[in-house]
């Protein structure tokens, strides 16, 4: 299992498996509701967002916006649509999952 955390615009926070489907990209696209945009957070972890969130006027994701602003205070923005928080990437560029215990902690903190 490759653990990640999904944060919805309704404020729901849940653990997901990036390997639930045979294609990790399709899993991410399904989770964010479209094409993905990737941001590497200061911690090295990754935030996946809907690349066309503003075009489609998706709802504001307040929790994801707070995470964005904490990581990029000099680049204020609003995050629209559902997001996925995952681990860093390895030396070969492969996406890593979150430590399962850390993912549980994130769910508790963001709930």
PDB file of N, CA and C in Angstrom:
ATOM      1  N   UNK A   1       0.846  -1.185   0.000  1.00  0.00           N
ATOM      2  CA  UNK A   1       0.000   0.000   0.000  1.00  0.00           C
ATOM      3  C   UNK A   1       0.881   1.235   0.000  1.00  0.00           C
ATOM      4  N   UNK A   2       0.544   2.185  -0.850  1.00  0.00           N
ATOM      5  CA  UNK A   2       1.240   3.468  -0.889  1.00  0.00           C
ATOM      6  C   UNK A   2       0.268   4.500  -0.310  1.00  0.00           C
ATOM      7  N   UNK A   3       0.525   4.878   0.928  1.00  0.00           N
ATOM      8  CA  UNK A   3      -0.403   5.688   1.709  1.00  0.00           C
ATOM      9  C   UNK A   3      -0.319   7.163   1.360  1.00  0.00           C
ATOM     10  N   UNK A   4      -1.496   7.789   1.256  1.00  0.00           N
ATOM     11  CA  UNK A   4      -1.612   9.231   1.042  1.00  0.00           C
ATOM     12  C   UNK A   4      -2.847   9.704   1.794  1.00  0.00           C
ATOM     13  N   UNK A   5      -3.008  11.017   1.877  1.00  0.00           N
ATOM     14  CA  UNK A   5      -4.149  11.613   2.566  1.00  0.00           C
ATOM     15  C   UNK A   5      -4.899  12.503   1.587  1.00  0.00           C
ATOM     16  N   UNK A   6      -6.211  12.285   1.493  1.00  0.00           N
ATOM     17  CA  UNK A   6      -7.071  13.101   0.634  1.00  0.00           C
ATOM     18  C   UNK A   6      -7.805  14.110   1.497  1.00  0.00           C
ATOM     19  N   UNK A   7      -7.797  15.376   1.049  1.00  0.00           N
ATOM     20  CA  UNK A   7      -8.492  16.460   1.740  1.00  0.00           C
ATOM     21  C   UNK A   7      -9.507  17.034   0.760  1.00  0.00           C
ATOM     22  N   UNK A   8     -10.787  16.909   1.086  1.00  0.00           N
ATOM     23  CA  UNK A   8     -11.831  17.377   0.180  1.00  0.00           C
ATOM     24  C   UNK A   8     -12.244  18.809   0.496  1.00  0.00           C
ATOM     25  N   UNK A   9     -12.952  19.401  -0.437  1.00  0.00           N
ATOM     26  CA  UNK A   9     -13.439  20.771  -0.238  1.00  0.00           C
ATOM     27  C   UNK A   9     -14.479  20.832   0.878  1.00  0.00           C
ATOM     28  N   UNK A  10     -15.114  19.701   1.183  1.00  0.00           N
ATOM     29  CA  UNK A  10     -16.093  19.660   2.278  1.00  0.00           C
ATOM     30  C   UNK A  10     -15.420  19.528   3.639  1.00  0.00           C
ATOM     31  N   UNK A  11     -14.093  19.365   3.630  1.00  0.00           N
ATOM     32  CA  UNK A  11     -13.352  19.252   4.877  1.00  0.00           C
ATOM     33  C   UNK A  11     -13.114  17.822   5.324  1.00  0.00           C
ATOM     34  N   UNK A  12     -13.533  16.856   4.521  1.00  0.00           N
ATOM     35  CA  UNK A  12     -13.291  15.456   4.854  1.00  0.00           C
ATOM     36  C   UNK A  12     -11.827  15.118   4.607  1.00  0.00           C
ATOM     37  N   UNK A  13     -11.229  14.419   5.559  1.00  0.00           N
ATOM     38  CA  UNK A  13      -9.829  14.022   5.456  1.00  0.00           C
ATOM     39  C   UNK A  13      -9.775  12.508   5.628  1.00  0.00           C
ATOM     40  N   UNK A  14      -9.166  11.825   4.658  1.00  0.00           N
ATOM     41  CA  UNK A  14      -9.149  10.366   4.713  1.00  0.00           C
ATOM     42  C   UNK A  14      -7.849   9.819   4.133  1.00  0.00           C
ATOM     43  N   UNK A  15      -7.539   8.605   4.540  1.00  0.00           N
ATOM     44  CA  UNK A  15      -6.365   7.907   4.016  1.00  0.00           C
ATOM     45  C   UNK A  15      -6.773   7.175   2.748  1.00  0.00           C
ATOM     46  N   UNK A  16      -5.952   7.294   1.708  1.00  0.00           N
ATOM     47  CA  UNK A  16      -6.194   6.573   0.466  1.00  0.00           C
ATOM     48  C   UNK A  16      -4.937   5.794   0.080  1.00  0.00           C
ATOM     49  N   UNK A  17      -5.104   4.843  -0.804  1.00  0.00           N
ATOM     50  CA  UNK A  17      -3.995   4.035  -1.314  1.00  0.00           C
ATOM     51  C   UNK A  17      -3.724   4.462  -2.746  1.00  0.00           C
ATOM     52  N   UNK A  18      -2.551   5.015  -3.000  1.00  0.00           N
ATOM     53  CA  UNK A  18      -2.197   5.457  -4.347  1.00  0.00           C
ATOM     54  C   UNK A  18      -2.066   4.290  -5.316  1.00  0.00           C
ATOM     55  N   UNK A  19      -1.953   3.093  -4.792  1.00  0.00           N
ATOM     56  CA  UNK A  19      -1.835   1.910  -5.637  1.00  0.00           C
ATOM     57  C   UNK A  19      -3.146   1.138  -5.716  1.00  0.00           C
ATOM     58  N   UNK A  20      -4.262   1.801  -5.398  1.00  0.00           N
ATOM     59  CA  UNK A  20      -5.561   1.131  -5.426  1.00  0.00           C
ATOM     60  C   UNK A  20      -5.894   0.636  -6.825  1.00  0.00           C
ATOM     61  N   UNK A  21      -5.517   1.407  -7.834  1.00  0.00           N
ATOM     62  CA  UNK A  21      -5.686   0.990  -9.224  1.00  0.00           C
ATOM     63  C   UNK A  21      -4.320   0.568  -9.748  1.00  0.00           C
ATOM     64  N   UNK A  22      -4.316  -0.036 -10.924  1.00  0.00           N
ATOM     65  CA  UNK A  22      -3.044  -0.455 -11.504  1.00  0.00           C
ATOM     66  C   UNK A  22      -2.244   0.738 -12.023  1.00  0.00           C
ATOM     67  N   UNK A  23      -2.889   1.894 -12.148  1.00  0.00           N
ATOM     68  CA  UNK A  23      -2.239   3.089 -12.670  1.00  0.00           C
ATOM     69  C   UNK A  23      -2.309   4.202 -11.629  1.00  0.00           C
ATOM     70  N   UNK A  24      -1.172   4.523 -11.046  1.00  0.00           N
ATOM     71  CA  UNK A  24      -1.120   5.532  -9.985  1.00  0.00           C
ATOM     72  C   UNK A  24      -1.591   6.900 -10.463  1.00  0.00           C
ATOM     73  N   UNK A  25      -1.270   7.257 -11.691  1.00  0.00           N
ATOM     74  CA  UNK A  25      -1.713   8.533 -12.242  1.00  0.00           C
ATOM     75  C   UNK A  25      -3.234   8.609 -12.284  1.00  0.00           C
ATOM     76  N   UNK A  26      -3.871   7.543 -12.718  1.00  0.00           N
ATOM     77  CA  UNK A  26      -5.334   7.526 -12.771  1.00  0.00           C
ATOM     78  C   UNK A  26      -5.944   7.621 -11.371  1.00  0.00           C
ATOM     79  N   UNK A  27      -5.290   6.996 -10.401  1.00  0.00           N
ATOM     80  CA  UNK A  27      -5.753   7.086  -9.012  1.00  0.00           C
ATOM     81  C   UNK A  27      -5.707   8.533  -8.532  1.00  0.00           C
ATOM     82  N   UNK A  28      -4.600   9.213  -8.822  1.00  0.00           N
ATOM     83  CA  UNK A  28      -4.465  10.618  -8.415  1.00  0.00           C
ATOM     84  C   UNK A  28      -5.475  11.500  -9.147  1.00  0.00           C
ATOM     85  N   UNK A  29      -5.625  11.289 -10.455  1.00  0.00           N
ATOM     86  CA  UNK A  29      -6.575  12.093 -11.217  1.00  0.00           C
ATOM     87  C   UNK A  29      -7.995  11.889 -10.708  1.00  0.00           C
ATOM     88  N   UNK A  30      -8.334  10.673 -10.372  1.00  0.00           N
ATOM     89  CA  UNK A  30      -9.654  10.392  -9.822  1.00  0.00           C
ATOM     90  C   UNK A  30      -9.842  11.088  -8.475  1.00  0.00           C
ATOM     91  N   UNK A  31      -8.807  11.081  -7.654  1.00  0.00           N
ATOM     92  CA  UNK A  31      -8.894  11.679  -6.316  1.00  0.00           C
ATOM     93  C   UNK A  31      -9.077  13.188  -6.365  1.00  0.00           C
ATOM     94  N   UNK A  32      -8.453  13.856  -7.342  1.00  0.00           N
ATOM     95  CA  UNK A  32      -8.573  15.321  -7.427  1.00  0.00           C
ATOM     96  C   UNK A  32      -9.619  15.756  -8.440  1.00  0.00           C
ATOM     97  N   UNK A  33     -10.193  14.810  -9.160  1.00  0.00           N
ATOM     98  CA  UNK A  33     -11.261  15.123 -10.094  1.00  0.00           C
ATOM     99  C   UNK A  33     -10.813  15.697 -11.422  1.00  0.00           C
ATOM    100  N   UNK A  34      -9.617  15.363 -11.869  1.00  0.00           N
ATOM    101  CA  UNK A  34      -9.141  15.862 -13.158  1.00  0.00           C
ATOM    102  C   UNK A  34      -7.635  15.761 -13.282  1.00  0.00           C
ATOM    103  N   UNK A  35      -7.087  16.576 -14.176  1.00  0.00           N
ATOM    104  CA  UNK A  35      -5.639  16.607 -14.377  1.00  0.00           C
ATOM    105  C   UNK A  35      -4.954  17.064 -13.100  1.00  0.00           C
ATOM    106  N   UNK A  36      -3.750  16.546 -12.868  1.00  0.00           N
ATOM    107  CA  UNK A  36      -3.064  16.895 -11.621  1.00  0.00           C
ATOM    108  C   UNK A  36      -2.011  17.976 -11.824  1.00  0.00           C
ATOM    109  N   UNK A  37      -1.871  18.785 -10.792  1.00  0.00           N
ATOM    110  CA  UNK A  37      -0.779  19.743 -10.664  1.00  0.00           C
ATOM    111  C   UNK A  37      -0.053  19.355  -9.390  1.00  0.00           C
ATOM    112  N   UNK A  38       1.259  19.423  -9.411  1.00  0.00           N
ATOM    113  CA  UNK A  38       2.066  18.945  -8.292  1.00  0.00           C
ATOM    114  C   UNK A  38       2.827  20.100  -7.660  1.00  0.00           C
ATOM    115  N   UNK A  39       2.822  20.137  -6.335  1.00  0.00           N
ATOM    116  CA  UNK A  39       3.639  21.107  -5.601  1.00  0.00           C
ATOM    117  C   UNK A  39       4.420  20.347  -4.538  1.00  0.00           C
ATOM    118  N   UNK A  40       5.718  20.608  -4.460  1.00  0.00           N
ATOM    119  CA  UNK A  40       6.547  20.018  -3.411  1.00  0.00           C
ATOM    120  C   UNK A  40       6.549  20.977  -2.229  1.00  0.00           C
ATOM    121  N   UNK A  41       6.086  20.487  -1.093  1.00  0.00           N
ATOM    122  CA  UNK A  41       6.005  21.311   0.113  1.00  0.00           C
ATOM    123  C   UNK A  41       7.379  21.425   0.763  1.00  0.00           C
ATOM    124  N   UNK A  42       7.513  22.357   1.695  1.00  0.00           N
ATOM    125  CA  UNK A  42       8.806  22.577   2.355  1.00  0.00           C
ATOM    126  C   UNK A  42       9.330  21.319   3.030  1.00  0.00           C
ATOM    127  N   UNK A  43       8.432  20.471   3.491  1.00  0.00           N
ATOM    128  CA  UNK A  43       8.822  19.231   4.156  1.00  0.00           C
ATOM    129  C   UNK A  43       9.373  18.200   3.179  1.00  0.00           C
ATOM    130  N   UNK A  44       9.202  18.468   1.886  1.00  0.00           N
ATOM    131  CA  UNK A  44       9.580  17.495   0.870  1.00  0.00           C
ATOM    132  C   UNK A  44       8.401  16.653   0.427  1.00  0.00           C
ATOM    133  N   UNK A  45       7.316  16.698   1.192  1.00  0.00           N
ATOM    134  CA  UNK A  45       6.113  15.971   0.813  1.00  0.00           C
ATOM    135  C   UNK A  45       5.489  16.634  -0.406  1.00  0.00           C
ATOM    136  N   UNK A  46       4.510  15.964  -0.990  1.00  0.00           N
ATOM    137  CA  UNK A  46       3.926  16.401  -2.240  1.00  0.00           C
ATOM    138  C   UNK A  46       2.438  16.676  -2.081  1.00  0.00           C
ATOM    139  N   UNK A  47       1.972  17.775  -2.670  1.00  0.00           N
ATOM    140  CA  UNK A  47       0.546  18.072  -2.731  1.00  0.00           C
ATOM    141  C   UNK A  47       0.117  17.979  -4.189  1.00  0.00           C
ATOM    142  N   UNK A  48      -0.872  17.132  -4.442  1.00  0.00           N
ATOM    143  CA  UNK A  48      -1.455  16.997  -5.772  1.00  0.00           C
ATOM    144  C   UNK A  48      -2.785  17.730  -5.787  1.00  0.00           C
ATOM    145  N   UNK A  49      -2.967  18.605  -6.780  1.00  0.00           N
ATOM    146  CA  UNK A  49      -4.169  19.419  -6.897  1.00  0.00           C
ATOM    147  C   UNK A  49      -4.768  19.246  -8.282  1.00  0.00           C
ATOM    148  N   UNK A  50      -5.993  19.722  -8.450  1.00  0.00           N
ATOM    149  CA  UNK A  50      -6.614  19.733  -9.765  1.00  0.00           C
ATOM    150  C   UNK A  50      -6.030  20.899 -10.545  1.00  0.00           C
ATOM    151  N   UNK A  51      -5.365  20.600 -11.642  1.00  0.00           N
ATOM    152  CA  UNK A  51      -4.693  21.615 -12.445  1.00  0.00           C
ATOM    153  C   UNK A  51      -5.665  22.650 -13.011  1.00  0.00           C
ATOM    154  N   UNK A  52      -6.904  22.253 -13.222  1.00  0.00           N
ATOM    155  CA  UNK A  52      -7.896  23.141 -13.828  1.00  0.00           C
ATOM    156  C   UNK A  52      -8.957  23.603 -12.835  1.00  0.00           C
ATOM    157  N   UNK A  53      -8.601  23.589 -11.556  1.00  0.00           N
ATOM    158  CA  UNK A  53      -9.541  23.983 -10.518  1.00  0.00           C
ATOM    159  C   UNK A  53     -10.113  25.378 -10.705  1.00  0.00           C
ATOM    160  N   UNK A  54      -9.271  26.300 -11.115  1.00  0.00           N
ATOM    161  CA  UNK A  54      -9.739  27.679 -11.315  1.00  0.00           C
ATOM    162  C   UNK A  54     -10.562  27.807 -12.599  1.00  0.00           C
ATOM    163  N   UNK A  55     -10.163  27.096 -13.627  1.00  0.00           N
ATOM    164  CA  UNK A  55     -10.910  27.139 -14.890  1.00  0.00           C
ATOM    165  C   UNK A  55     -12.343  26.657 -14.671  1.00  0.00           C
ATOM    166  N   UNK A  56     -12.488  25.562 -13.917  1.00  0.00           N
ATOM    167  CA  UNK A  56     -13.809  24.981 -13.686  1.00  0.00           C
ATOM    168  C   UNK A  56     -14.502  25.557 -12.448  1.00  0.00           C
ATOM    169  N   UNK A  57     -13.863  26.554 -11.815  1.00  0.00           N
ATOM    170  CA  UNK A  57     -14.422  27.220 -10.646  1.00  0.00           C
ATOM    171  C   UNK A  57     -14.840  26.220  -9.565  1.00  0.00           C
ATOM    172  N   UNK A  58     -13.918  25.315  -9.251  1.00  0.00           N
ATOM    173  CA  UNK A  58     -14.170  24.344  -8.195  1.00  0.00           C
ATOM    174  C   UNK A  58     -14.263  25.059  -6.848  1.00  0.00           C
ATOM    175  N   UNK A  59     -14.891  24.434  -5.869  1.00  0.00           N
ATOM    176  CA  UNK A  59     -14.996  25.061  -4.547  1.00  0.00           C
ATOM    177  C   UNK A  59     -13.637  25.241  -3.885  1.00  0.00           C
ATOM    178  N   UNK A  60     -13.553  26.218  -3.020  1.00  0.00           N
ATOM    179  CA  UNK A  60     -12.325  26.468  -2.256  1.00  0.00           C
ATOM    180  C   UNK A  60     -12.092  25.322  -1.277  1.00  0.00           C
ATOM    181  N   UNK A  61     -10.855  24.893  -1.194  1.00  0.00           N
ATOM    182  CA  UNK A  61     -10.441  23.896  -0.214  1.00  0.00           C
ATOM    183  C   UNK A  61      -9.685  24.665   0.876  1.00  0.00           C
ATOM    184  N   UNK A  62     -10.412  24.988   1.949  1.00  0.00           N
ATOM    185  CA  UNK A  62      -9.832  25.837   2.993  1.00  0.00           C
ATOM    186  C   UNK A  62      -8.641  25.187   3.686  1.00  0.00           C
ATOM    187  N   UNK A  63      -8.735  23.898   3.959  1.00  0.00           N
ATOM    188  CA  UNK A  63      -7.630  23.215   4.637  1.00  0.00           C
ATOM    189  C   UNK A  63      -6.392  23.163   3.744  1.00  0.00           C
ATOM    190  N   UNK A  64      -6.579  22.855   2.475  1.00  0.00           N
ATOM    191  CA  UNK A  64      -5.445  22.803   1.545  1.00  0.00           C
ATOM    192  C   UNK A  64      -4.855  24.188   1.329  1.00  0.00           C
ATOM    193  N   UNK A  65      -5.701  25.209   1.323  1.00  0.00           N
ATOM    194  CA  UNK A  65      -5.210  26.580   1.173  1.00  0.00           C
ATOM    195  C   UNK A  65      -4.331  26.963   2.359  1.00  0.00           C
ATOM    196  N   UNK A  66      -4.720  26.560   3.574  1.00  0.00           N
ATOM    197  CA  UNK A  66      -3.899  26.843   4.756  1.00  0.00           C
ATOM    198  C   UNK A  66      -2.542  26.143   4.656  1.00  0.00           C
ATOM    199  N   UNK A  67      -2.557  24.906   4.165  1.00  0.00           N
ATOM    200  CA  UNK A  67      -1.296  24.185   3.981  1.00  0.00           C
ATOM    201  C   UNK A  67      -0.433  24.909   2.956  1.00  0.00           C
ATOM    202  N   UNK A  68      -1.044  25.343   1.862  1.00  0.00           N
ATOM    203  CA  UNK A  68      -0.323  26.077   0.815  1.00  0.00           C
ATOM    204  C   UNK A  68       0.323  27.338   1.392  1.00  0.00           C
ATOM    205  N   UNK A  69      -0.473  28.140   2.100  1.00  0.00           N
ATOM    206  CA  UNK A  69       0.031  29.413   2.630  1.00  0.00           C
ATOM    207  C   UNK A  69       1.133  29.207   3.666  1.00  0.00           C
ATOM    208  N   UNK A  70       1.049  28.130   4.441  1.00  0.00           N
ATOM    209  CA  UNK A  70       2.104  27.831   5.412  1.00  0.00           C
ATOM    210  C   UNK A  70       3.413  27.462   4.719  1.00  0.00           C
ATOM    211  N   UNK A  71       3.310  26.879   3.528  1.00  0.00           N
ATOM    212  CA  UNK A  71       4.495  26.447   2.787  1.00  0.00           C
ATOM    213  C   UNK A  71       5.015  27.487   1.810  1.00  0.00           C
ATOM    214  N   UNK A  72       4.122  28.329   1.315  1.00  0.00           N
ATOM    215  CA  UNK A  72       4.494  29.321   0.301  1.00  0.00           C
ATOM    216  C   UNK A  72       3.953  30.708   0.680  1.00  0.00           C
ATOM    217  N   UNK A  73       4.414  31.274   1.804  1.00  0.00           N
ATOM    218  CA  UNK A  73       3.874  32.567   2.255  1.00  0.00           C
ATOM    219  C   UNK A  73       4.143  33.708   1.277  1.00  0.00           C
ATOM    220  N   UNK A  74       5.171  33.591   0.454  1.00  0.00           N
ATOM    221  CA  UNK A  74       5.478  34.643  -0.521  1.00  0.00           C
ATOM    222  C   UNK A  74       4.755  34.449  -1.844  1.00  0.00           C
ATOM    223  N   UNK A  75       3.944  33.396  -1.921  1.00  0.00           N
ATOM    224  CA  UNK A  75       3.181  33.118  -3.136  1.00  0.00           C
ATOM    225  C   UNK A  75       1.740  32.795  -2.738  1.00  0.00           C
ATOM    226  N   UNK A  76       1.026  33.822  -2.237  1.00  0.00           N
ATOM    227  CA  UNK A  76      -0.339  33.568  -1.768  1.00  0.00           C
ATOM    228  C   UNK A  76      -1.240  33.117  -2.914  1.00  0.00           C
ATOM    229  N   UNK A  77      -2.036  32.114  -2.625  1.00  0.00           N
ATOM    230  CA  UNK A  77      -2.956  31.565  -3.618  1.00  0.00           C
ATOM    231  C   UNK A  77      -4.077  30.872  -2.860  1.00  0.00           C
ATOM    232  N   UNK A  78      -5.115  30.519  -3.568  1.00  0.00           N
ATOM    233  CA  UNK A  78      -6.212  29.754  -3.002  1.00  0.00           C
ATOM    234  C   UNK A  78      -6.268  28.425  -3.759  1.00  0.00           C
ATOM    235  N   UNK A  79      -6.468  27.347  -3.011  1.00  0.00           N
ATOM    236  CA  UNK A  79      -6.518  26.019  -3.617  1.00  0.00           C
ATOM    237  C   UNK A  79      -7.979  25.647  -3.818  1.00  0.00           C
ATOM    238  N   UNK A  80      -8.299  25.258  -5.041  1.00  0.00           N
ATOM    239  CA  UNK A  80      -9.666  24.885  -5.383  1.00  0.00           C
ATOM    240  C   UNK A  80      -9.724  23.390  -5.692  1.00  0.00           C
ATOM    241  N   UNK A  81     -10.728  22.728  -5.178  1.00  0.00           N
ATOM    242  CA  UNK A  81     -10.902  21.301  -5.420  1.00  0.00           C
ATOM    243  C   UNK A  81     -10.204  20.445  -4.382  1.00  0.00           C
ATOM    244  N   UNK A  82     -10.422  19.147  -4.504  1.00  0.00           N
ATOM    245  CA  UNK A  82      -9.829  18.181  -3.590  1.00  0.00           C
ATOM    246  C   UNK A  82      -8.334  18.049  -3.853  1.00  0.00           C
ATOM    247  N   UNK A  83      -7.584  17.715  -2.812  1.00  0.00           N
ATOM    248  CA  UNK A  83      -6.140  17.522  -2.941  1.00  0.00           C
ATOM    249  C   UNK A  83      -5.727  16.203  -2.311  1.00  0.00           C
ATOM    250  N   UNK A  84      -4.539  15.758  -2.689  1.00  0.00           N
ATOM    251  CA  UNK A  84      -3.927  14.567  -2.100  1.00  0.00           C
ATOM    252  C   UNK A  84      -2.546  14.963  -1.591  1.00  0.00           C
ATOM    253  N   UNK A  85      -2.259  14.575  -0.363  1.00  0.00           N
ATOM    254  CA  UNK A  85      -0.942  14.789   0.240  1.00  0.00           C
ATOM    255  C   UNK A  85      -0.227  13.447   0.262  1.00  0.00           C
ATOM    256  N   UNK A  86       0.953  13.417  -0.313  1.00  0.00           N
ATOM    257  CA  UNK A  86       1.724  12.170  -0.396  1.00  0.00           C
ATOM    258  C   UNK A  86       3.155  12.427   0.056  1.00  0.00           C
ATOM    259  N   UNK A  87       3.942  11.380   0.064  1.00  0.00           N
ATOM    260  CA  UNK A  87       5.336  11.499   0.468  1.00  0.00           C
ATOM    261  C   UNK A  87       6.168  12.224  -0.570  1.00  0.00           C
ATOM    262  N   UNK A  88       7.448  12.210  -0.345  1.00  0.00           N
ATOM    263  CA  UNK A  88       8.405  12.829  -1.272  1.00  0.00           C
ATOM    264  C   UNK A  88       8.586  11.914  -2.475  1.00  0.00           C
ATOM    265  N   UNK A  89       9.546  12.239  -3.305  1.00  0.00           N
ATOM    266  CA  UNK A  89       9.926  11.345  -4.399  1.00  0.00           C
ATOM    267  C   UNK A  89      11.315  10.788  -4.095  1.00  0.00           C
ATOM    268  N   UNK A  90      11.570   9.596  -4.588  1.00  0.00           N
ATOM    269  CA  UNK A  90      12.882   8.996  -4.366  1.00  0.00           C
ATOM    270  C   UNK A  90      13.877   9.482  -5.410  1.00  0.00           C
ATOM    271  N   UNK A  91      15.091   8.931  -5.373  1.00  0.00           N
ATOM    272  CA  UNK A  91      16.158   9.365  -6.274  1.00  0.00           C
ATOM    273  C   UNK A  91      15.820   9.146  -7.741  1.00  0.00           C
ATOM    274  N   UNK A  92      14.926   8.208  -8.010  1.00  0.00           N
ATOM    275  CA  UNK A  92      14.546   7.902  -9.387  1.00  0.00           C
ATOM    276  C   UNK A  92      13.277   8.633  -9.820  1.00  0.00           C
ATOM    277  N   UNK A  93      12.768   9.497  -8.939  1.00  0.00           N
ATOM    278  CA  UNK A  93      11.575  10.265  -9.275  1.00  0.00           C
ATOM    279  C   UNK A  93      10.267   9.554  -8.996  1.00  0.00           C
ATOM    280  N   UNK A  94      10.331   8.400  -8.336  1.00  0.00           N
ATOM    281  CA  UNK A  94       9.117   7.658  -8.005  1.00  0.00           C
ATOM    282  C   UNK A  94       8.447   8.288  -6.790  1.00  0.00           C
ATOM    283  N   UNK A  95       7.131   8.400  -6.865  1.00  0.00           N
ATOM    284  CA  UNK A  95       6.365   8.957  -5.757  1.00  0.00           C
ATOM    285  C   UNK A  95       6.365   7.987  -4.589  1.00  0.00           C
ATOM    286  N   UNK A  96       6.653   8.490  -3.409  1.00  0.00           N
ATOM    287  CA  UNK A  96       6.631   7.682  -2.198  1.00  0.00           C
ATOM    288  C   UNK A  96       5.340   7.948  -1.438  1.00  0.00           C
ATOM    289  N   UNK A  97       4.918   6.965  -0.699  1.00  0.00           N
ATOM    290  CA  UNK A  97       3.761   7.147   0.163  1.00  0.00           C
ATOM    291  C   UNK A  97       4.177   7.768   1.480  1.00  0.00           C
ATOM    292  N   UNK A  98       3.184   8.151   2.251  1.00  0.00           N
ATOM    293  CA  UNK A  98       3.424   8.646   3.603  1.00  0.00           C
ATOM    294  C   UNK A  98       3.598   7.457   4.536  1.00  0.00           C
ATOM    295  N   UNK A  99       4.356   7.642   5.587  1.00  0.00           N
ATOM    296  CA  UNK A  99       4.402   6.650   6.643  1.00  0.00           C
ATOM    297  C   UNK A  99       2.971   6.496   7.174  1.00  0.00           C
ATOM    298  N   UNK A 100       2.456   5.280   7.299  1.00  0.00           N
ATOM    299  CA  UNK A 100       1.065   5.101   7.733  1.00  0.00           C
ATOM    300  C   UNK A 100       0.729   5.780   9.063  1.00  0.00           C
ATOM    301  N   UNK A 101       1.656   5.754  10.015  1.00  0.00           N
ATOM    302  CA  UNK A 101       1.404   6.417  11.298  1.00  0.00           C
ATOM    303  C   UNK A 101       1.325   7.934  11.122  1.00  0.00           C
ATOM    304  N   UNK A 102       2.196   8.481  10.262  1.00  0.00           N
ATOM    305  CA  UNK A 102       2.159   9.919   9.998  1.00  0.00           C
ATOM    306  C   UNK A 102       0.867  10.294   9.288  1.00  0.00           C
ATOM    307  N   UNK A 103       0.413   9.438   8.384  1.00  0.00           N
ATOM    308  CA  UNK A 103      -0.846   9.702   7.671  1.00  0.00           C
ATOM    309  C   UNK A 103      -1.999   9.768   8.671  1.00  0.00           C
ATOM    310  N   UNK A 104      -2.016   8.859   9.638  1.00  0.00           N
ATOM    311  CA  UNK A 104      -3.065   8.879  10.668  1.00  0.00           C
ATOM    312  C   UNK A 104      -2.997  10.164  11.465  1.00  0.00           C
ATOM    313  N   UNK A 105      -1.794  10.598  11.796  1.00  0.00           N
ATOM    314  CA  UNK A 105      -1.620  11.846  12.528  1.00  0.00           C
ATOM    315  C   UNK A 105      -2.133  13.033  11.710  1.00  0.00           C
ATOM    316  N   UNK A 106      -1.817  13.057  10.409  1.00  0.00           N
ATOM    317  CA  UNK A 106      -2.324  14.118   9.544  1.00  0.00           C
ATOM    318  C   UNK A 106      -3.840  14.156   9.520  1.00  0.00           C
ATOM    319  N   UNK A 107      -4.458  12.985   9.418  1.00  0.00           N
ATOM    320  CA  UNK A 107      -5.915  12.923   9.418  1.00  0.00           C
ATOM    321  C   UNK A 107      -6.471  13.522  10.703  1.00  0.00           C
ATOM    322  N   UNK A 108      -5.859  13.184  11.825  1.00  0.00           N
ATOM    323  CA  UNK A 108      -6.316  13.716  13.126  1.00  0.00           C
ATOM    324  C   UNK A 108      -6.121  15.229  13.193  1.00  0.00           C
ATOM    325  N   UNK A 109      -4.983  15.710  12.732  1.00  0.00           N
ATOM    326  CA  UNK A 109      -4.696  17.146  12.794  1.00  0.00           C
ATOM    327  C   UNK A 109      -5.598  17.971  11.867  1.00  0.00           C
ATOM    328  N   UNK A 110      -5.919  17.412  10.715  1.00  0.00           N
ATOM    329  CA  UNK A 110      -6.700  18.159   9.720  1.00  0.00           C
ATOM    330  C   UNK A 110      -8.205  17.970   9.878  1.00  0.00           C
ATOM    331  N   UNK A 111      -8.602  17.003  10.704  1.00  0.00           N
ATOM    332  CA  UNK A 111     -10.055  16.728  10.873  1.00  0.00           C
ATOM    333  C   UNK A 111     -10.751  17.880  11.578  1.00  0.00           C
TER     334      UNK A 111
END
